[in-house]
């Protein structure tokens, strides 16, 4: 009887291990496929910037690379991208940064961003953690947190200088209406415009 119980436990452990065993390449492909076919999403986002400041707000996403984020805490800030241009508008400072995105670097949004990395994946009951590394990318390491269907829950982006950008998503839904027109941001009148602020050294 004891041998039977031990055999059942061993088989259970082997089965549960195989459920969560996956290579980094397989995990990345499943993640990319999931995000490219997701269509539209809305939800709540918490974002930590390079300087350590944390913002929270709501987001709207239209695959493959359109995003609209409205942060409300600690101050209002709007971040919009149509896949070609990125707008970062701060009503408090009356300034708007407009960054032209390099061709080919953002195609597919975050699904495209993870191409060219070497990765490993680990799984558990709540989903997977995918760790990606590269010595020649802007972000030397990316850590993705996804659920059991490979839907994105959060990410950490590590730069060569050690600074990080991170975010987490919650209350995610694919049912809310998302209009494509919101991803072409119209800068309010009288706002000071800073062109390509990310290129400034």
N, C-alpha and C. Protein backbone atom coordinates (compact mmCIF):
# COMPACT_ATOMS: atom_id res chain seq x y z
N UNK A 1 0.83 -1.21 0.00
CA UNK A 1 0.00 0.00 0.00
C UNK A 1 0.85 1.26 0.00
N UNK A 2 1.92 1.23 0.84
CA UNK A 2 2.81 2.38 0.89
C UNK A 2 3.52 2.59 -0.43
N UNK A 3 3.90 1.47 -1.09
CA UNK A 3 4.56 1.57 -2.40
C UNK A 3 3.62 2.19 -3.44
N UNK A 4 2.34 1.81 -3.37
CA UNK A 4 1.35 2.39 -4.29
C UNK A 4 1.22 3.88 -4.10
N UNK A 5 1.17 4.32 -2.86
CA UNK A 5 1.08 5.76 -2.57
C UNK A 5 2.31 6.51 -3.07
N UNK A 6 3.47 5.91 -2.83
CA UNK A 6 4.72 6.55 -3.30
C UNK A 6 4.73 6.66 -4.80
N UNK A 7 4.27 5.60 -5.49
CA UNK A 7 4.23 5.62 -6.96
C UNK A 7 3.29 6.71 -7.47
N UNK A 8 2.15 6.84 -6.81
CA UNK A 8 1.18 7.87 -7.22
C UNK A 8 1.77 9.26 -7.02
N UNK A 9 2.47 9.48 -5.91
CA UNK A 9 3.10 10.78 -5.64
C UNK A 9 4.15 11.09 -6.69
N UNK A 10 4.98 10.12 -7.03
CA UNK A 10 6.05 10.32 -8.02
C UNK A 10 5.45 10.67 -9.38
N UNK A 11 4.41 9.90 -9.77
CA UNK A 11 3.76 10.17 -11.06
C UNK A 11 3.15 11.56 -11.09
N UNK A 12 2.52 11.95 -9.98
CA UNK A 12 1.91 13.29 -9.89
C UNK A 12 2.96 14.38 -10.03
N UNK A 13 4.11 14.18 -9.38
CA UNK A 13 5.18 15.16 -9.45
C UNK A 13 5.73 15.27 -10.86
N UNK A 14 5.91 14.11 -11.52
CA UNK A 14 6.42 14.11 -12.89
C UNK A 14 5.45 14.80 -13.84
N UNK A 15 4.15 14.54 -13.66
CA UNK A 15 3.14 15.16 -14.52
C UNK A 15 3.09 16.67 -14.32
N UNK A 16 3.12 17.11 -13.05
CA UNK A 16 3.04 18.54 -12.78
C UNK A 16 4.28 19.24 -13.28
N UNK A 17 5.44 18.58 -13.22
CA UNK A 17 6.68 19.18 -13.72
C UNK A 17 6.61 19.35 -15.23
N UNK A 18 6.08 18.33 -15.93
CA UNK A 18 6.01 18.41 -17.39
C UNK A 18 5.04 19.49 -17.84
N UNK A 19 4.01 19.77 -17.03
CA UNK A 19 3.05 20.81 -17.39
C UNK A 19 3.71 22.18 -17.46
N UNK A 20 4.68 22.43 -16.59
CA UNK A 20 5.28 23.74 -16.51
C UNK A 20 6.67 23.80 -17.14
N UNK A 21 7.13 22.70 -17.75
CA UNK A 21 8.44 22.66 -18.37
C UNK A 21 8.34 23.16 -19.80
N UNK A 22 9.10 24.21 -20.11
CA UNK A 22 9.07 24.79 -21.45
C UNK A 22 10.39 25.53 -21.67
N UNK A 23 10.89 25.51 -22.90
CA UNK A 23 12.13 26.23 -23.19
C UNK A 23 11.85 27.72 -23.34
N UNK A 24 12.92 28.52 -23.26
CA UNK A 24 12.77 29.96 -23.42
C UNK A 24 12.23 30.34 -24.78
N UNK A 25 12.73 29.68 -25.84
CA UNK A 25 12.28 29.97 -27.20
C UNK A 25 10.80 29.65 -27.37
N UNK A 26 10.37 28.51 -26.81
CA UNK A 26 8.96 28.13 -26.90
C UNK A 26 8.07 29.13 -26.17
N UNK A 27 8.52 29.55 -25.00
CA UNK A 27 7.75 30.51 -24.21
C UNK A 27 7.62 31.84 -24.93
N UNK A 28 8.71 32.31 -25.54
CA UNK A 28 8.69 33.58 -26.27
C UNK A 28 7.73 33.51 -27.45
N UNK A 29 7.77 32.41 -28.19
CA UNK A 29 6.88 32.26 -29.34
C UNK A 29 5.42 32.22 -28.91
N UNK A 30 5.13 31.52 -27.82
CA UNK A 30 3.76 31.48 -27.31
C UNK A 30 3.30 32.86 -26.85
N UNK A 31 4.22 33.59 -26.20
CA UNK A 31 3.90 34.95 -25.75
C UNK A 31 3.64 35.87 -26.94
N UNK A 32 4.52 35.84 -27.94
CA UNK A 32 4.37 36.69 -29.12
C UNK A 32 3.06 36.38 -29.85
N UNK A 33 2.78 35.09 -30.01
CA UNK A 33 1.54 34.69 -30.69
C UNK A 33 0.31 35.18 -29.93
N UNK A 34 0.35 35.08 -28.62
CA UNK A 34 -0.77 35.52 -27.79
C UNK A 34 -1.01 37.02 -27.90
N UNK A 35 0.08 37.80 -27.83
CA UNK A 35 -0.05 39.25 -27.85
C UNK A 35 -0.42 39.77 -29.24
N UNK A 36 0.05 39.11 -30.29
CA UNK A 36 -0.26 39.56 -31.65
C UNK A 36 -1.72 39.31 -32.03
N UNK A 37 -2.34 38.32 -31.41
CA UNK A 37 -3.73 38.03 -31.75
C UNK A 37 -4.73 38.54 -30.71
N UNK A 38 -4.22 39.31 -29.73
CA UNK A 38 -5.08 39.73 -28.63
C UNK A 38 -6.15 40.73 -29.06
N UNK A 39 -5.87 41.51 -30.12
CA UNK A 39 -6.87 42.47 -30.60
C UNK A 39 -6.86 43.76 -29.81
N UNK A 40 -7.67 43.83 -28.77
CA UNK A 40 -7.76 45.04 -27.97
C UNK A 40 -7.79 44.68 -26.49
N UNK A 41 -7.28 45.60 -25.68
CA UNK A 41 -7.26 45.41 -24.24
C UNK A 41 -7.46 46.74 -23.53
N UNK A 42 -8.04 46.68 -22.35
CA UNK A 42 -8.09 47.84 -21.46
C UNK A 42 -7.80 47.33 -20.05
N UNK A 43 -7.40 48.24 -19.17
CA UNK A 43 -7.13 47.82 -17.80
C UNK A 43 -6.45 48.90 -16.99
N UNK A 44 -5.90 48.48 -15.87
CA UNK A 44 -5.20 49.38 -14.94
C UNK A 44 -3.71 49.07 -15.02
N UNK A 45 -2.89 50.13 -14.97
CA UNK A 45 -1.45 49.95 -15.07
C UNK A 45 -0.75 50.68 -13.93
N UNK A 46 0.30 50.05 -13.42
CA UNK A 46 1.20 50.67 -12.45
C UNK A 46 2.58 50.67 -13.08
N UNK A 47 3.21 51.84 -13.16
CA UNK A 47 4.46 52.01 -13.93
C UNK A 47 5.52 52.64 -13.06
N UNK A 48 6.72 52.08 -13.07
CA UNK A 48 7.86 52.67 -12.38
C UNK A 48 8.88 53.12 -13.41
N UNK A 49 9.21 54.40 -13.42
CA UNK A 49 10.10 54.97 -14.43
C UNK A 49 11.57 54.77 -14.05
N UNK A 50 12.48 55.20 -14.94
CA UNK A 50 13.92 55.04 -14.71
C UNK A 50 14.39 55.72 -13.44
N UNK A 51 13.74 56.83 -13.06
CA UNK A 51 14.16 57.56 -11.86
C UNK A 51 13.50 57.03 -10.59
N UNK A 52 12.73 55.93 -10.72
CA UNK A 52 12.12 55.32 -9.54
C UNK A 52 10.75 55.85 -9.19
N UNK A 53 10.24 56.82 -9.94
CA UNK A 53 8.91 57.37 -9.68
C UNK A 53 7.84 56.38 -10.15
N UNK A 54 6.85 56.15 -9.32
CA UNK A 54 5.78 55.21 -9.67
C UNK A 54 4.50 55.96 -10.03
N UNK A 55 3.90 55.58 -11.14
CA UNK A 55 2.66 56.17 -11.62
C UNK A 55 1.60 55.08 -11.73
N UNK A 56 0.34 55.48 -11.61
CA UNK A 56 -0.75 54.53 -11.82
C UNK A 56 -1.85 55.20 -12.64
N UNK A 57 -2.56 54.38 -13.39
CA UNK A 57 -3.61 54.92 -14.23
C UNK A 57 -4.28 53.82 -15.02
N UNK A 58 -4.83 54.19 -16.17
CA UNK A 58 -5.54 53.23 -17.02
C UNK A 58 -4.89 53.18 -18.40
N UNK A 59 -5.10 52.07 -19.10
CA UNK A 59 -4.52 51.94 -20.43
C UNK A 59 -5.52 51.35 -21.41
N UNK A 60 -5.28 51.65 -22.70
CA UNK A 60 -5.99 51.03 -23.80
C UNK A 60 -4.95 50.57 -24.81
N UNK A 61 -5.15 49.37 -25.32
CA UNK A 61 -4.16 48.78 -26.24
C UNK A 61 -4.86 48.19 -27.44
N UNK A 62 -4.28 48.42 -28.62
CA UNK A 62 -4.79 47.84 -29.85
C UNK A 62 -3.60 47.19 -30.55
N UNK A 63 -3.65 45.88 -30.73
CA UNK A 63 -2.51 45.19 -31.31
C UNK A 63 -2.34 45.58 -32.78
N UNK A 64 -1.08 45.60 -33.30
CA UNK A 64 0.07 45.09 -32.58
C UNK A 64 0.87 46.10 -31.76
N UNK A 65 0.69 47.42 -32.00
CA UNK A 65 1.64 48.35 -31.36
C UNK A 65 1.05 49.71 -30.98
N UNK A 66 -0.27 49.76 -30.77
CA UNK A 66 -0.89 51.04 -30.40
C UNK A 66 -1.26 51.02 -28.92
N UNK A 67 -0.89 52.09 -28.21
CA UNK A 67 -1.17 52.14 -26.77
C UNK A 67 -1.53 53.56 -26.34
N UNK A 68 -2.47 53.64 -25.42
CA UNK A 68 -2.89 54.92 -24.83
C UNK A 68 -2.93 54.73 -23.32
N UNK A 69 -2.11 55.48 -22.61
CA UNK A 69 -2.05 55.37 -21.16
C UNK A 69 -2.33 56.74 -20.54
N UNK A 70 -3.25 56.78 -19.59
CA UNK A 70 -3.53 58.02 -18.86
C UNK A 70 -3.23 57.78 -17.39
N UNK A 71 -2.10 58.36 -16.95
CA UNK A 71 -1.73 58.26 -15.54
C UNK A 71 -2.45 59.35 -14.76
N UNK A 72 -2.94 59.00 -13.59
CA UNK A 72 -3.66 59.97 -12.76
C UNK A 72 -2.99 60.19 -11.41
N UNK A 73 -2.03 59.32 -11.06
CA UNK A 73 -1.35 59.44 -9.77
C UNK A 73 0.13 59.14 -9.95
N UNK A 74 1.03 59.96 -9.37
CA UNK A 74 0.75 61.10 -8.47
C UNK A 74 0.36 62.38 -9.23
N UNK A 75 0.68 62.46 -10.52
CA UNK A 75 0.26 63.60 -11.33
C UNK A 75 -0.28 63.08 -12.66
N UNK A 76 -1.05 63.91 -13.33
CA UNK A 76 -1.60 63.49 -14.62
C UNK A 76 -0.52 63.50 -15.70
N UNK A 77 -0.49 62.44 -16.48
CA UNK A 77 0.44 62.34 -17.59
C UNK A 77 -0.19 61.41 -18.62
N UNK A 78 -0.07 61.76 -19.89
CA UNK A 78 -0.65 60.94 -20.96
C UNK A 78 0.45 60.47 -21.89
N UNK A 79 0.47 59.17 -22.14
CA UNK A 79 1.45 58.56 -23.03
C UNK A 79 0.68 57.86 -24.15
N UNK A 80 0.99 58.22 -25.40
CA UNK A 80 0.26 57.66 -26.54
C UNK A 80 1.25 57.25 -27.63
N UNK A 81 1.01 56.10 -28.25
CA UNK A 81 1.82 55.69 -29.40
C UNK A 81 0.92 55.05 -30.44
N UNK A 82 1.14 55.44 -31.71
CA UNK A 82 0.42 54.81 -32.81
C UNK A 82 1.31 53.82 -33.56
N UNK A 83 2.46 53.51 -32.95
CA UNK A 83 3.41 52.60 -33.57
C UNK A 83 4.49 53.30 -34.36
N UNK A 84 4.26 54.56 -34.72
CA UNK A 84 5.24 55.34 -35.47
C UNK A 84 5.75 56.54 -34.67
N UNK A 85 4.85 57.10 -33.86
CA UNK A 85 5.17 58.28 -33.05
C UNK A 85 4.75 58.04 -31.61
N UNK A 86 5.55 58.54 -30.68
CA UNK A 86 5.23 58.46 -29.26
C UNK A 86 5.05 59.88 -28.73
N UNK A 87 3.91 60.14 -28.05
CA UNK A 87 3.65 61.42 -27.41
C UNK A 87 3.65 61.22 -25.90
N UNK A 88 4.33 62.11 -25.18
CA UNK A 88 4.29 62.10 -23.72
C UNK A 88 3.89 63.49 -23.27
N UNK A 89 2.63 63.63 -22.85
CA UNK A 89 2.05 64.93 -22.53
C UNK A 89 1.87 65.08 -21.02
N UNK A 90 2.39 66.18 -20.49
CA UNK A 90 2.26 66.47 -19.07
C UNK A 90 1.48 67.78 -18.90
N UNK A 91 0.19 67.72 -18.56
CA UNK A 91 -0.60 68.94 -18.37
C UNK A 91 -0.03 69.85 -17.29
N UNK A 92 0.58 69.27 -16.26
CA UNK A 92 1.11 70.06 -15.16
C UNK A 92 2.24 70.99 -15.57
N UNK A 93 3.08 70.53 -16.51
CA UNK A 93 4.20 71.35 -16.99
C UNK A 93 3.87 72.04 -18.31
N UNK A 94 2.71 71.70 -18.88
CA UNK A 94 2.30 72.25 -20.17
C UNK A 94 3.32 71.93 -21.27
N UNK A 95 3.87 70.71 -21.22
CA UNK A 95 4.87 70.28 -22.20
C UNK A 95 4.47 68.94 -22.79
N UNK A 96 4.90 68.73 -24.05
CA UNK A 96 4.64 67.47 -24.72
C UNK A 96 5.89 67.03 -25.48
N UNK A 97 6.41 65.87 -25.13
CA UNK A 97 7.52 65.30 -25.88
C UNK A 97 6.97 64.48 -27.03
N UNK A 98 7.56 64.67 -28.21
CA UNK A 98 7.14 63.90 -29.39
C UNK A 98 8.36 63.16 -29.91
N UNK A 99 8.31 61.85 -29.81
CA UNK A 99 9.43 61.00 -30.23
C UNK A 99 9.05 60.22 -31.48
N UNK A 100 9.83 60.42 -32.54
CA UNK A 100 9.62 59.61 -33.75
C UNK A 100 10.30 58.27 -33.52
N UNK A 101 9.55 57.20 -33.68
CA UNK A 101 10.07 55.86 -33.42
C UNK A 101 10.78 55.32 -34.65
N UNK A 102 11.94 54.73 -34.43
CA UNK A 102 12.73 54.19 -35.54
C UNK A 102 11.97 53.07 -36.23
N UNK A 103 12.07 53.04 -37.55
CA UNK A 103 11.36 52.01 -38.31
C UNK A 103 11.89 50.63 -37.94
N UNK A 104 10.96 49.71 -37.75
CA UNK A 104 11.34 48.34 -37.47
C UNK A 104 11.59 48.02 -36.01
N UNK A 105 11.68 49.06 -35.15
CA UNK A 105 12.00 48.80 -33.75
C UNK A 105 10.76 48.53 -32.91
N UNK A 106 9.60 48.96 -33.36
CA UNK A 106 8.40 48.79 -32.54
C UNK A 106 7.33 47.96 -33.21
N UNK A 107 7.61 47.45 -34.41
CA UNK A 107 6.61 46.65 -35.10
C UNK A 107 6.21 45.45 -34.25
N UNK A 108 4.93 45.36 -33.98
CA UNK A 108 4.46 44.29 -33.13
C UNK A 108 4.46 44.64 -31.66
N UNK A 109 4.72 45.91 -31.33
CA UNK A 109 4.69 46.33 -29.93
C UNK A 109 5.62 45.50 -29.07
N UNK A 110 5.16 45.11 -27.88
CA UNK A 110 6.01 44.33 -26.99
C UNK A 110 6.30 42.95 -27.56
N UNK A 111 5.41 42.44 -28.41
CA UNK A 111 5.65 41.15 -29.06
C UNK A 111 6.86 41.23 -29.99
N UNK A 112 7.06 42.41 -30.61
CA UNK A 112 8.21 42.60 -31.47
C UNK A 112 9.46 42.95 -30.71
N UNK A 113 9.28 43.57 -29.55
CA UNK A 113 10.41 44.02 -28.74
C UNK A 113 11.26 42.88 -28.21
N UNK A 114 10.67 41.71 -28.02
CA UNK A 114 11.39 40.59 -27.41
C UNK A 114 12.15 39.74 -28.42
N UNK A 115 12.11 40.10 -29.69
CA UNK A 115 12.84 39.34 -30.71
C UNK A 115 14.34 39.57 -30.54
N UNK A 116 15.13 38.50 -30.71
CA UNK A 116 16.58 38.62 -30.67
C UNK A 116 17.20 38.42 -29.31
N UNK A 117 16.42 37.97 -28.34
CA UNK A 117 16.94 37.70 -27.00
C UNK A 117 17.09 36.20 -26.76
N UNK A 118 18.03 35.85 -25.89
CA UNK A 118 18.14 34.48 -25.41
C UNK A 118 17.37 34.39 -24.10
N UNK A 119 16.54 33.35 -23.98
CA UNK A 119 15.68 33.32 -22.81
C UNK A 119 15.57 31.98 -22.13
N UNK A 120 15.11 32.04 -20.91
CA UNK A 120 14.74 30.86 -20.15
C UNK A 120 13.36 31.11 -19.56
N UNK A 121 12.63 30.04 -19.30
CA UNK A 121 11.28 30.19 -18.77
C UNK A 121 11.06 29.25 -17.60
N UNK A 122 10.30 29.71 -16.64
CA UNK A 122 9.93 28.89 -15.49
C UNK A 122 8.45 29.07 -15.25
N UNK A 123 7.77 27.97 -14.91
CA UNK A 123 6.32 28.04 -14.73
C UNK A 123 5.86 27.55 -13.38
N UNK A 124 4.67 28.00 -13.01
CA UNK A 124 4.00 27.53 -11.81
C UNK A 124 2.50 27.58 -12.04
N UNK A 125 1.72 27.42 -10.99
CA UNK A 125 0.27 27.36 -11.14
C UNK A 125 -0.35 28.64 -11.69
N UNK A 126 0.31 29.78 -11.47
CA UNK A 126 -0.27 31.06 -11.88
C UNK A 126 0.22 31.55 -13.24
N UNK A 127 1.19 30.87 -13.85
CA UNK A 127 1.67 31.30 -15.14
C UNK A 127 3.15 31.05 -15.31
N UNK A 128 3.82 31.96 -16.03
CA UNK A 128 5.23 31.78 -16.36
C UNK A 128 6.01 33.07 -16.15
N UNK A 129 7.30 32.89 -15.87
CA UNK A 129 8.26 33.99 -15.87
C UNK A 129 9.25 33.71 -17.00
N UNK A 130 9.39 34.67 -17.90
CA UNK A 130 10.29 34.52 -19.05
C UNK A 130 11.41 35.55 -18.90
N UNK A 131 12.65 35.07 -18.74
CA UNK A 131 13.80 35.95 -18.59
C UNK A 131 14.58 35.98 -19.90
N UNK A 132 14.75 37.17 -20.45
CA UNK A 132 15.41 37.36 -21.74
C UNK A 132 16.67 38.19 -21.56
N UNK A 133 17.76 37.80 -22.23
CA UNK A 133 19.01 38.54 -22.12
C UNK A 133 19.65 38.76 -23.49
N UNK A 134 20.33 39.91 -23.61
CA UNK A 134 21.07 40.24 -24.82
C UNK A 134 22.17 41.23 -24.46
N UNK A 135 23.33 41.10 -25.10
CA UNK A 135 24.45 42.01 -24.83
C UNK A 135 24.47 43.21 -25.75
N UNK A 136 23.59 43.23 -26.77
CA UNK A 136 23.65 44.33 -27.73
C UNK A 136 22.31 45.04 -27.94
N UNK A 137 21.38 44.84 -27.01
CA UNK A 137 20.09 45.52 -27.09
C UNK A 137 20.06 46.70 -26.12
N UNK A 138 19.12 47.63 -26.36
CA UNK A 138 18.96 48.77 -25.45
C UNK A 138 18.66 48.28 -24.03
N UNK A 139 17.78 47.29 -23.94
CA UNK A 139 17.49 46.66 -22.66
C UNK A 139 18.23 45.34 -22.61
N UNK A 140 19.23 45.24 -21.72
CA UNK A 140 20.07 44.05 -21.66
C UNK A 140 19.32 42.85 -21.11
N UNK A 141 18.30 43.12 -20.31
CA UNK A 141 17.50 42.03 -19.75
C UNK A 141 16.03 42.45 -19.67
N UNK A 142 15.16 41.55 -20.07
CA UNK A 142 13.72 41.75 -19.96
C UNK A 142 13.14 40.57 -19.20
N UNK A 143 12.35 40.85 -18.20
CA UNK A 143 11.69 39.79 -17.44
C UNK A 143 10.18 39.96 -17.62
N UNK A 144 9.56 38.99 -18.23
CA UNK A 144 8.12 39.02 -18.49
C UNK A 144 7.39 38.13 -17.51
N UNK A 145 6.28 38.62 -17.01
CA UNK A 145 5.38 37.82 -16.18
C UNK A 145 4.09 37.63 -16.96
N UNK A 146 3.73 36.37 -17.23
CA UNK A 146 2.54 36.07 -18.03
C UNK A 146 1.68 35.04 -17.30
N UNK A 147 0.40 35.01 -17.65
CA UNK A 147 -0.48 34.03 -17.03
C UNK A 147 -0.41 32.70 -17.79
N UNK A 148 -1.28 31.77 -17.46
CA UNK A 148 -1.24 30.45 -18.07
C UNK A 148 -1.54 30.43 -19.56
N UNK A 149 -2.15 31.52 -20.07
CA UNK A 149 -2.44 31.63 -21.50
C UNK A 149 -1.41 32.50 -22.22
N UNK A 150 -0.37 32.89 -21.49
CA UNK A 150 0.71 33.76 -21.98
C UNK A 150 0.28 35.21 -22.19
N UNK A 151 -0.80 35.60 -21.53
CA UNK A 151 -1.19 37.00 -21.51
C UNK A 151 -0.29 37.76 -20.56
N UNK A 152 0.18 38.91 -20.99
CA UNK A 152 1.11 39.71 -20.21
C UNK A 152 0.47 40.22 -18.92
N UNK A 153 1.19 40.04 -17.79
CA UNK A 153 0.76 40.57 -16.50
C UNK A 153 1.68 41.70 -16.03
N UNK A 154 2.93 41.68 -16.49
CA UNK A 154 3.88 42.71 -16.09
C UNK A 154 5.24 42.46 -16.70
N UNK A 155 6.12 43.45 -16.60
CA UNK A 155 7.46 43.31 -17.19
C UNK A 155 8.45 44.21 -16.49
N UNK A 156 9.71 43.79 -16.53
CA UNK A 156 10.83 44.58 -16.03
C UNK A 156 11.84 44.70 -17.15
N UNK A 157 12.28 45.93 -17.44
CA UNK A 157 13.27 46.19 -18.48
C UNK A 157 14.53 46.74 -17.82
N UNK A 158 15.66 46.05 -17.97
CA UNK A 158 16.91 46.47 -17.34
C UNK A 158 17.88 47.00 -18.39
N UNK A 159 18.38 48.21 -18.15
CA UNK A 159 19.34 48.83 -19.06
C UNK A 159 20.76 48.47 -18.68
N UNK A 160 21.69 48.81 -19.58
CA UNK A 160 23.10 48.50 -19.33
C UNK A 160 23.62 49.21 -18.08
N UNK A 161 23.09 50.42 -17.80
CA UNK A 161 23.56 51.17 -16.65
C UNK A 161 22.93 50.70 -15.34
N UNK A 162 22.11 49.66 -15.41
CA UNK A 162 21.51 49.09 -14.21
C UNK A 162 20.14 49.64 -13.86
N UNK A 163 19.75 50.74 -14.48
CA UNK A 163 18.43 51.31 -14.20
C UNK A 163 17.34 50.46 -14.85
N UNK A 164 16.16 50.52 -14.26
CA UNK A 164 15.08 49.68 -14.76
C UNK A 164 13.80 50.49 -14.98
N UNK A 165 12.99 49.97 -15.89
CA UNK A 165 11.61 50.41 -16.07
C UNK A 165 10.75 49.18 -15.82
N UNK A 166 9.67 49.33 -15.09
CA UNK A 166 8.80 48.17 -14.84
C UNK A 166 7.34 48.59 -14.85
N UNK A 167 6.48 47.63 -15.13
CA UNK A 167 5.05 47.90 -15.04
C UNK A 167 4.31 46.61 -14.73
N UNK A 168 3.12 46.77 -14.18
CA UNK A 168 2.23 45.63 -13.94
C UNK A 168 0.83 46.01 -14.38
N UNK A 169 0.09 45.01 -14.87
CA UNK A 169 -1.26 45.23 -15.37
C UNK A 169 -2.27 44.49 -14.50
N UNK A 170 -3.46 45.07 -14.34
CA UNK A 170 -4.54 44.43 -13.59
C UNK A 170 -5.89 44.81 -14.19
N UNK A 171 -6.93 44.10 -13.80
CA UNK A 171 -8.29 44.34 -14.31
C UNK A 171 -8.32 44.39 -15.83
N UNK A 172 -7.56 43.51 -16.46
CA UNK A 172 -7.44 43.52 -17.92
C UNK A 172 -8.70 42.92 -18.55
N UNK A 173 -9.20 43.59 -19.60
CA UNK A 173 -10.40 43.14 -20.30
C UNK A 173 -10.24 43.32 -21.81
N UNK A 174 -10.80 42.41 -22.56
CA UNK A 174 -10.78 42.54 -24.01
C UNK A 174 -12.14 42.89 -24.57
N UNK A 175 -13.07 43.30 -23.70
CA UNK A 175 -14.45 43.56 -24.12
C UNK A 175 -14.78 45.03 -24.32
N UNK A 176 -14.02 45.92 -23.69
CA UNK A 176 -14.33 47.36 -23.78
C UNK A 176 -14.06 47.90 -25.18
N UNK A 177 -14.76 48.95 -25.54
CA UNK A 177 -14.60 49.58 -26.85
C UNK A 177 -13.28 50.35 -26.89
N UNK A 178 -12.49 50.12 -27.94
CA UNK A 178 -11.22 50.83 -28.13
C UNK A 178 -11.22 51.40 -29.55
N UNK A 179 -11.28 52.72 -29.66
CA UNK A 179 -11.32 53.36 -30.96
C UNK A 179 -9.93 53.73 -31.44
N UNK A 180 -9.63 53.43 -32.70
CA UNK A 180 -8.30 53.64 -33.24
C UNK A 180 -7.91 55.12 -33.25
N UNK A 181 -8.87 56.02 -33.31
CA UNK A 181 -8.58 57.45 -33.41
C UNK A 181 -7.83 58.00 -32.19
N UNK A 182 -7.97 57.37 -31.02
CA UNK A 182 -7.33 57.91 -29.81
C UNK A 182 -5.81 57.75 -29.85
N UNK A 183 -5.31 56.91 -30.76
CA UNK A 183 -3.88 56.65 -30.81
C UNK A 183 -3.13 57.66 -31.68
N UNK A 184 -3.86 58.60 -32.28
CA UNK A 184 -3.24 59.72 -32.98
C UNK A 184 -3.47 60.97 -32.15
N UNK A 185 -2.54 61.20 -31.23
CA UNK A 185 -2.72 62.25 -30.22
C UNK A 185 -2.65 63.64 -30.84
N UNK A 186 -3.58 64.50 -30.42
CA UNK A 186 -3.59 65.90 -30.88
C UNK A 186 -3.11 66.77 -29.72
N UNK A 187 -1.97 67.40 -29.92
CA UNK A 187 -1.37 68.24 -28.87
C UNK A 187 -2.23 69.47 -28.65
N UNK A 188 -2.63 69.76 -27.42
CA UNK A 188 -3.45 70.95 -27.14
C UNK A 188 -2.72 72.24 -27.53
N UNK A 189 -3.47 73.27 -27.85
CA UNK A 189 -2.88 74.56 -28.21
C UNK A 189 -2.12 75.17 -27.04
N UNK A 190 -1.02 75.85 -27.38
CA UNK A 190 -0.25 76.55 -26.36
C UNK A 190 0.72 75.67 -25.58
N UNK A 191 0.79 74.40 -25.92
CA UNK A 191 1.69 73.48 -25.21
C UNK A 191 3.08 73.53 -25.83
N UNK A 192 4.11 73.57 -24.98
CA UNK A 192 5.49 73.57 -25.46
C UNK A 192 5.85 72.17 -25.93
N UNK A 193 6.37 72.07 -27.15
CA UNK A 193 6.70 70.79 -27.75
C UNK A 193 8.22 70.55 -27.70
N UNK A 194 8.60 69.37 -27.27
CA UNK A 194 10.02 68.97 -27.28
C UNK A 194 10.13 67.78 -28.25
N UNK A 195 10.88 68.00 -29.35
CA UNK A 195 11.02 66.97 -30.35
C UNK A 195 12.09 65.95 -29.97
N UNK A 196 11.76 64.67 -30.13
CA UNK A 196 12.68 63.56 -29.88
C UNK A 196 13.46 63.69 -28.59
N UNK A 197 12.78 63.82 -27.44
CA UNK A 197 13.47 64.00 -26.18
C UNK A 197 14.37 62.82 -25.80
N UNK A 198 14.07 61.62 -26.31
CA UNK A 198 14.88 60.45 -25.99
C UNK A 198 16.23 60.47 -26.68
N UNK A 199 16.38 61.33 -27.69
CA UNK A 199 17.66 61.43 -28.38
C UNK A 199 18.59 62.46 -27.76
N UNK A 200 18.07 63.22 -26.81
CA UNK A 200 18.87 64.26 -26.14
C UNK A 200 19.81 63.61 -25.15
N UNK A 201 21.10 63.94 -25.25
CA UNK A 201 22.13 63.37 -24.36
C UNK A 201 22.53 64.39 -23.29
